[in-house]
């Protein structure tokens, strides 16, 4: 038995070695590998001639990748940029000083009204930190809305100027001189950026940093791609104007469709406050337990938190981004 076992193991070993070394030769595997290697070498020799001349599509893709990388780096603008986006000419130091002044004034006003330092401190913190940030967002949103209302007409002016034979820079100067704010200052910023040596495409891309909306990004991308890859600029801007107007119509349609839901959310959010005010006017002793007793203050705080969460959920449900 031992001899048979040794013979079986030797046979298996010899068969394995023969399979590894002889099977590729007998089955033609080596010839297939040689043909694949020859084809790869031929493709490698012809590849430099193909990549030497980049197509316009590759140039456009490269431009879009560069733009996307720059926008990823600028997702969180600093405070100075947010102040400029709101249309204010304040410096960062001025904004901080005004915010601190509001907080101190609110704290001094709240101390005699509440009689509690912690409540007055919370009121002052809200007035000094919350209100200025909300004001920046409000001014930024209003400025973006005004910009979006005038951008399609500005693009149409550029298209007509180019078709009439004017250079792109002269068309931009026309908008900077004849349109209203904030369109005038933004296009003036593009011209000033271009005059210091930055290419016009790069200057138009910086418009998105000052007006962070998708429409401004579209405009900058169209100009940048045309400057790098060439093409019919009037046709591209004409298509952009159509897209901008269609997006404006879509926003108006979404606003009209969601107005009923917003009205319902406003009524639901204001109903507890209205009921509380009416109960206080009719039976003040009944409702004063909410802020005179410890358990009542706890219930009032919990109710405020739940109301805030509900309002945020309703706001998320009725706001549409596209």
Protein backbone atom coordinates (compact mmCIF):
# COMPACT_ATOMS: atom_id res chain seq x y z
CA UNK A 1 0.00 0.00 0.00
CA UNK A 2 2.82 2.32 0.78
CA UNK A 3 4.33 1.74 -2.66
CA UNK A 4 0.98 2.47 -4.34
CA UNK A 5 0.62 5.70 -2.35
CA UNK A 6 4.10 6.87 -3.31
CA UNK A 7 3.40 6.01 -6.96
CA UNK A 8 0.12 7.99 -6.86
CA UNK A 9 1.76 11.07 -5.38
CA UNK A 10 4.60 10.97 -7.93
CA UNK A 11 2.08 10.64 -10.77
CA UNK A 12 0.08 13.60 -9.50
CA UNK A 13 3.24 15.71 -9.19
CA UNK A 14 4.38 14.81 -12.70
CA UNK A 15 0.90 15.57 -14.08
CA UNK A 16 0.82 18.97 -12.35
CA UNK A 17 4.20 19.97 -13.73
CA UNK A 18 3.20 18.82 -17.23
CA UNK A 19 -0.07 20.79 -16.97
CA UNK A 20 1.73 23.98 -15.96
CA UNK A 21 4.48 23.89 -18.59
CA UNK A 22 3.12 21.85 -21.49
CA UNK A 23 -0.59 22.78 -21.58
CA UNK A 24 -0.08 26.44 -22.69
CA UNK A 25 2.13 25.26 -25.58
CA UNK A 26 -0.24 22.52 -26.73
CA UNK A 27 -3.45 24.61 -26.33
CA UNK A 28 -2.12 27.70 -28.10
CA UNK A 29 -2.22 29.90 -25.00
CA UNK A 30 1.29 31.21 -25.63
CA UNK A 31 0.35 32.23 -29.16
CA UNK A 32 -2.73 34.09 -27.84
CA UNK A 33 -0.61 35.92 -25.29
CA UNK A 34 1.84 36.91 -28.01
CA UNK A 35 -0.96 38.28 -30.22
CA UNK A 36 -2.41 40.28 -27.32
CA UNK A 37 1.04 41.70 -26.51
CA UNK A 38 1.59 42.65 -30.15
CA UNK A 39 -1.80 44.38 -30.30
CA UNK A 40 -1.00 46.26 -27.09
CA UNK A 41 2.31 47.43 -28.51
CA UNK A 42 0.61 48.59 -31.69
CA UNK A 43 -1.98 50.51 -29.65
CA UNK A 44 0.78 52.07 -27.54
CA UNK A 45 2.56 53.31 -30.66
CA UNK A 46 -0.61 54.89 -32.08
CA UNK A 47 -1.82 56.36 -28.76
CA UNK A 48 0.56 59.38 -28.69
CA UNK A 49 -0.65 60.46 -32.11
CA UNK A 50 -4.24 60.34 -30.87
CA UNK A 51 -3.58 62.14 -27.61
CA UNK A 52 -1.41 64.75 -29.26
CA UNK A 53 -4.50 66.45 -30.62
CA UNK A 54 -7.10 66.75 -27.89
CA UNK A 55 -10.66 66.88 -28.97
CA UNK A 56 -12.93 69.72 -27.96
CA UNK A 57 -14.90 67.35 -25.75
CA UNK A 58 -11.81 66.47 -23.73
CA UNK A 59 -11.00 70.16 -23.29
CA UNK A 60 -14.54 70.83 -22.06
CA UNK A 61 -14.35 67.92 -19.62
CA UNK A 62 -11.04 69.18 -18.27
CA UNK A 63 -12.46 72.66 -17.80
CA UNK A 64 -15.48 71.31 -15.93
CA UNK A 65 -13.25 69.24 -13.65
CA UNK A 66 -11.14 72.29 -12.79
CA UNK A 67 -14.26 74.33 -12.04
CA UNK A 68 -15.70 71.58 -9.85
CA UNK A 69 -12.50 71.30 -7.83
CA UNK A 70 -12.40 75.06 -7.23
CA UNK A 71 -16.02 75.08 -6.10
CA UNK A 72 -15.41 72.24 -3.64
CA UNK A 73 -12.63 74.26 -2.02
CA UNK A 74 -14.91 77.30 -1.70
CA UNK A 75 -17.88 75.60 -0.03
CA UNK A 76 -17.53 77.45 3.28
CA UNK A 77 -16.75 81.10 2.59
CA UNK A 78 -15.22 83.18 5.40
CA UNK A 79 -17.05 85.99 7.14
CA UNK A 80 -15.59 88.70 4.91
CA UNK A 81 -16.89 86.91 1.81
CA UNK A 82 -20.34 86.50 3.33
CA UNK A 83 -20.43 90.21 4.12
CA UNK A 84 -19.61 91.05 0.50
CA UNK A 85 -22.20 88.52 -0.72
CA UNK A 86 -24.80 90.41 1.32
CA UNK A 87 -23.90 93.61 -0.53
CA UNK A 88 -22.40 95.36 2.51
CA UNK A 89 -19.21 97.37 2.39
CA UNK A 90 -18.32 96.66 6.01
CA UNK A 91 -15.06 95.15 7.06
CA UNK A 92 -14.88 92.07 9.24
CA UNK A 93 -13.85 94.17 12.24
CA UNK A 94 -16.79 96.55 11.77
CA UNK A 95 -19.25 93.67 11.60
CA UNK A 96 -17.88 92.09 14.78
CA UNK A 97 -18.01 95.42 16.62
CA UNK A 98 -21.61 96.05 15.57
CA UNK A 99 -22.61 92.52 16.60
CA UNK A 100 -20.92 92.94 19.99
CA UNK A 101 -22.65 96.31 20.48
CA UNK A 102 -26.05 94.77 19.74
CA UNK A 103 -25.38 91.98 22.22
CA UNK A 104 -24.39 94.41 25.00
CA UNK A 105 -27.41 96.66 24.39
CA UNK A 106 -29.78 93.68 24.38
CA UNK A 107 -28.23 92.38 27.62
CA UNK A 108 -28.62 95.76 29.36
CA UNK A 109 -32.23 96.07 28.19
CA UNK A 110 -33.14 92.51 29.23
CA UNK A 111 -31.75 92.72 32.79
CA UNK A 112 -34.49 95.04 34.19
CA UNK A 113 -37.18 93.25 32.21
CA UNK A 114 -36.38 89.68 33.22
CA UNK A 115 -34.58 90.20 36.49
CA UNK A 116 -32.45 87.09 35.84
CA UNK A 117 -28.84 87.41 34.59
CA UNK A 118 -28.93 84.08 32.75
CA UNK A 119 -32.04 85.00 30.78
CA UNK A 120 -30.59 88.42 29.97
CA UNK A 121 -27.32 86.79 28.89
CA UNK A 122 -29.17 84.39 26.58
CA UNK A 123 -31.13 87.31 25.10
CA UNK A 124 -27.93 89.29 24.56
CA UNK A 125 -26.18 86.32 22.96
CA UNK A 126 -29.10 85.83 20.58
CA UNK A 127 -29.13 89.50 19.63
CA UNK A 128 -25.35 89.67 19.23
CA UNK A 129 -24.78 86.41 17.33
CA UNK A 130 -28.08 85.21 15.92
CA UNK A 131 -29.55 88.43 14.57
CA UNK A 132 -26.45 89.60 12.57
CA UNK A 133 -26.06 86.18 10.93
CA UNK A 134 -29.77 86.13 10.06
CA UNK A 135 -29.44 89.66 8.65
CA UNK A 136 -26.53 88.57 6.43
CA UNK A 137 -28.56 85.64 5.11
CA UNK A 138 -31.59 87.84 4.47
CA UNK A 139 -29.59 90.48 2.59
CA UNK A 140 -27.71 87.79 0.64
CA UNK A 141 -30.96 86.11 -0.39
CA UNK A 142 -32.53 89.40 -1.45
CA UNK A 143 -29.46 90.35 -3.47
CA UNK A 144 -29.40 86.95 -5.20
CA UNK A 145 -33.08 87.32 -6.09
CA UNK A 146 -32.45 90.71 -7.69
CA UNK A 147 -29.47 89.31 -9.58
CA UNK A 148 -31.49 86.39 -10.92
CA UNK A 149 -34.27 88.69 -12.07
CA UNK A 150 -31.86 90.69 -14.24
CA UNK A 151 -29.44 87.99 -15.43
CA UNK A 152 -31.53 86.67 -18.39
CA UNK A 153 -31.93 90.19 -19.79
CA UNK A 154 -28.20 90.83 -19.34
CA UNK A 155 -27.34 87.63 -21.21
CA UNK A 156 -29.70 88.69 -24.03
CA UNK A 157 -27.89 92.05 -24.24
CA UNK A 158 -24.56 90.21 -24.55
CA UNK A 159 -25.98 87.96 -27.29
CA UNK A 160 -27.28 90.93 -29.29
CA UNK A 161 -23.98 92.77 -28.87
CA UNK A 162 -21.96 89.78 -30.10
CA UNK A 163 -24.27 89.30 -33.09
CA UNK A 164 -23.85 92.99 -33.88
CA UNK A 165 -20.07 92.58 -33.97
CA UNK A 166 -19.07 93.87 -30.54
CA UNK A 167 -16.38 92.04 -28.55
CA UNK A 168 -17.44 90.22 -25.42
CA UNK A 169 -15.63 92.68 -23.15
CA UNK A 170 -17.45 95.67 -24.67
CA UNK A 171 -20.77 93.91 -24.14
CA UNK A 172 -19.89 93.34 -20.49
CA UNK A 173 -18.93 97.02 -20.14
CA UNK A 174 -22.32 97.97 -21.57
CA UNK A 175 -24.08 95.94 -18.87
CA UNK A 176 -21.85 97.38 -16.15
CA UNK A 177 -22.73 100.90 -17.27
CA UNK A 178 -26.47 100.68 -17.97
CA UNK A 179 -28.01 98.04 -15.70
CA UNK A 180 -29.12 98.37 -12.08
CA UNK A 181 -27.70 96.92 -8.90
CA UNK A 182 -26.50 94.29 -8.15
CA UNK A 183 -25.94 93.49 -11.83
CA UNK A 184 -23.93 96.66 -12.36
CA UNK A 185 -21.44 96.08 -9.54
CA UNK A 186 -20.98 92.38 -10.31
CA UNK A 187 -20.17 92.91 -13.99
CA UNK A 188 -17.99 95.86 -13.05
CA UNK A 189 -16.11 93.46 -10.78
CA UNK A 190 -15.61 91.09 -13.74
CA UNK A 191 -14.16 93.92 -15.83
CA UNK A 192 -11.89 95.11 -13.02
CA UNK A 193 -10.66 91.55 -12.43
CA UNK A 194 -9.89 91.19 -16.13
CA UNK A 195 -7.98 94.44 -16.31
CA UNK A 196 -5.40 93.26 -13.73
CA UNK A 197 -4.29 90.42 -16.01
CA UNK A 198 -6.68 87.57 -15.19
CA UNK A 199 -8.24 85.94 -18.29
CA UNK A 200 -11.86 86.80 -18.99
CA UNK A 201 -13.01 83.22 -18.44
CA UNK A 202 -11.40 83.10 -15.00
CA UNK A 203 -12.91 86.50 -14.15
CA UNK A 204 -16.39 85.26 -15.08
CA UNK A 205 -15.89 82.15 -12.95
CA UNK A 206 -15.22 84.38 -9.93
CA UNK A 207 -18.79 85.67 -10.26
CA UNK A 208 -19.95 82.49 -8.51
CA UNK A 209 -17.85 83.39 -5.47
CA UNK A 210 -19.72 86.68 -5.04
CA UNK A 211 -23.17 85.41 -6.11
CA UNK A 212 -23.30 81.70 -5.13
CA UNK A 213 -26.25 80.65 -7.28
CA UNK A 214 -26.38 78.04 -10.01
CA UNK A 215 -27.26 80.57 -12.72
CA UNK A 216 -24.09 82.58 -12.09
CA UNK A 217 -22.14 79.34 -12.20
CA UNK A 218 -23.69 78.48 -15.58
CA UNK A 219 -22.70 81.87 -16.99
CA UNK A 220 -19.12 81.53 -15.79
CA UNK A 221 -18.80 77.99 -17.15
CA UNK A 222 -20.11 78.97 -20.59
CA UNK A 223 -17.67 81.89 -20.90
CA UNK A 224 -14.73 79.84 -19.54
CA UNK A 225 -15.35 76.92 -21.90
CA UNK A 226 -15.71 79.23 -24.89
CA UNK A 227 -12.45 81.00 -24.01
CA UNK A 228 -10.57 77.69 -23.76
CA UNK A 229 -12.21 75.49 -26.39
CA UNK A 230 -13.73 78.03 -28.78
CA UNK A 231 -17.11 77.80 -30.45
CA UNK A 232 -20.13 79.95 -31.23
CA UNK A 233 -20.49 82.15 -28.15
CA UNK A 234 -23.73 83.83 -29.24
CA UNK A 235 -25.42 80.45 -29.71
CA UNK A 236 -24.14 79.16 -26.35
CA UNK A 237 -25.29 82.29 -24.51
CA UNK A 238 -28.63 82.16 -26.32
CA UNK A 239 -29.16 78.63 -25.04
CA UNK A 240 -28.10 79.79 -21.58
CA UNK A 241 -30.68 82.59 -21.68
CA UNK A 242 -33.38 80.06 -22.54
CA UNK A 243 -32.28 77.82 -19.66
CA UNK A 244 -32.28 80.75 -17.22
CA UNK A 245 -35.79 81.77 -18.19
CA UNK A 246 -37.07 78.22 -17.93
CA UNK A 247 -35.54 77.89 -14.46
CA UNK A 248 -37.19 81.15 -13.47
CA UNK A 249 -40.56 79.86 -14.65
CA UNK A 250 -40.00 76.61 -12.75
CA UNK A 251 -39.21 78.49 -9.56
CA UNK A 252 -42.37 80.56 -9.90
CA UNK A 253 -44.43 77.42 -10.52
CA UNK A 254 -42.95 75.66 -7.49
CA UNK A 255 -43.59 78.74 -5.36
CA UNK A 256 -47.22 78.86 -6.46
CA UNK A 257 -47.75 75.13 -5.83
CA UNK A 258 -46.14 75.24 -2.38
CA UNK A 259 -47.91 78.41 -1.23
CA UNK A 260 -50.86 76.47 0.20
CA UNK A 261 -48.55 74.23 2.22
CA UNK A 262 -46.62 77.27 3.48
CA UNK A 263 -49.85 78.97 4.57
CA UNK A 264 -50.93 75.83 6.39
CA UNK A 265 -47.54 75.57 8.11
CA UNK A 266 -47.72 79.23 9.17
CA UNK A 267 -51.20 78.75 10.63
CA UNK A 268 -50.21 75.57 12.48
CA UNK A 269 -47.05 77.21 13.85
CA UNK A 270 -48.86 80.37 14.99
CA UNK A 271 -51.92 78.63 16.45
CA UNK A 272 -50.36 77.70 19.84
CA UNK A 273 -49.04 81.24 20.33
CA UNK A 274 -52.43 82.75 19.43
CA UNK A 275 -54.28 80.40 21.79
CA UNK A 276 -51.80 81.15 24.58
CA UNK A 277 -52.27 84.90 24.10
CA UNK A 278 -56.07 84.63 24.12
CA UNK A 279 -56.04 82.48 27.25
CA UNK A 280 -53.75 84.98 28.95
CA UNK A 281 -56.10 87.85 28.08
CA UNK A 282 -59.19 86.01 29.32
CA UNK A 283 -57.78 83.99 32.27
CA UNK A 284 -54.31 85.19 33.26
CA UNK A 285 -54.30 83.29 36.57
CA UNK A 286 -54.91 80.03 34.75
CA UNK A 287 -51.95 80.28 32.38
CA UNK A 288 -49.47 82.07 34.65
CA UNK A 289 -48.59 78.71 36.17
CA UNK A 290 -46.51 78.02 33.05
CA UNK A 291 -43.87 80.60 34.00
CA UNK A 292 -44.36 80.89 37.76
CA UNK A 293 -43.97 77.20 38.62
CA UNK A 294 -40.89 75.07 37.92
CA UNK A 295 -42.93 72.29 36.31
CA UNK A 296 -44.74 74.86 34.16
CA UNK A 297 -41.45 76.34 32.91
CA UNK A 298 -40.23 72.86 32.10
CA UNK A 299 -43.42 72.13 30.15
CA UNK A 300 -43.14 75.46 28.36
CA UNK A 301 -39.52 74.76 27.35
CA UNK A 302 -40.39 71.24 26.13
CA UNK A 303 -43.34 72.60 24.15
CA UNK A 304 -41.12 75.26 22.56
CA UNK A 305 -38.56 72.63 21.54
CA UNK A 306 -41.20 70.38 20.01
CA UNK A 307 -42.77 73.34 18.18
CA UNK A 308 -39.36 74.27 16.79
CA UNK A 309 -38.75 70.73 15.58
CA UNK A 310 -42.17 70.57 13.97
CA UNK A 311 -41.65 73.88 12.19
CA UNK A 312 -38.26 72.70 10.89
CA UNK A 313 -39.81 69.47 9.60
CA UNK A 314 -42.60 71.38 7.85
CA UNK A 315 -40.08 73.80 6.39
CA UNK A 316 -38.04 70.91 5.03
CA UNK A 317 -41.15 69.37 3.47
CA UNK A 318 -42.33 72.51 1.67
CA UNK A 319 -38.97 73.80 0.42
CA UNK A 320 -37.89 72.41 -2.94
CA UNK A 321 -34.36 72.61 -4.35
CA UNK A 322 -33.63 71.90 -8.00
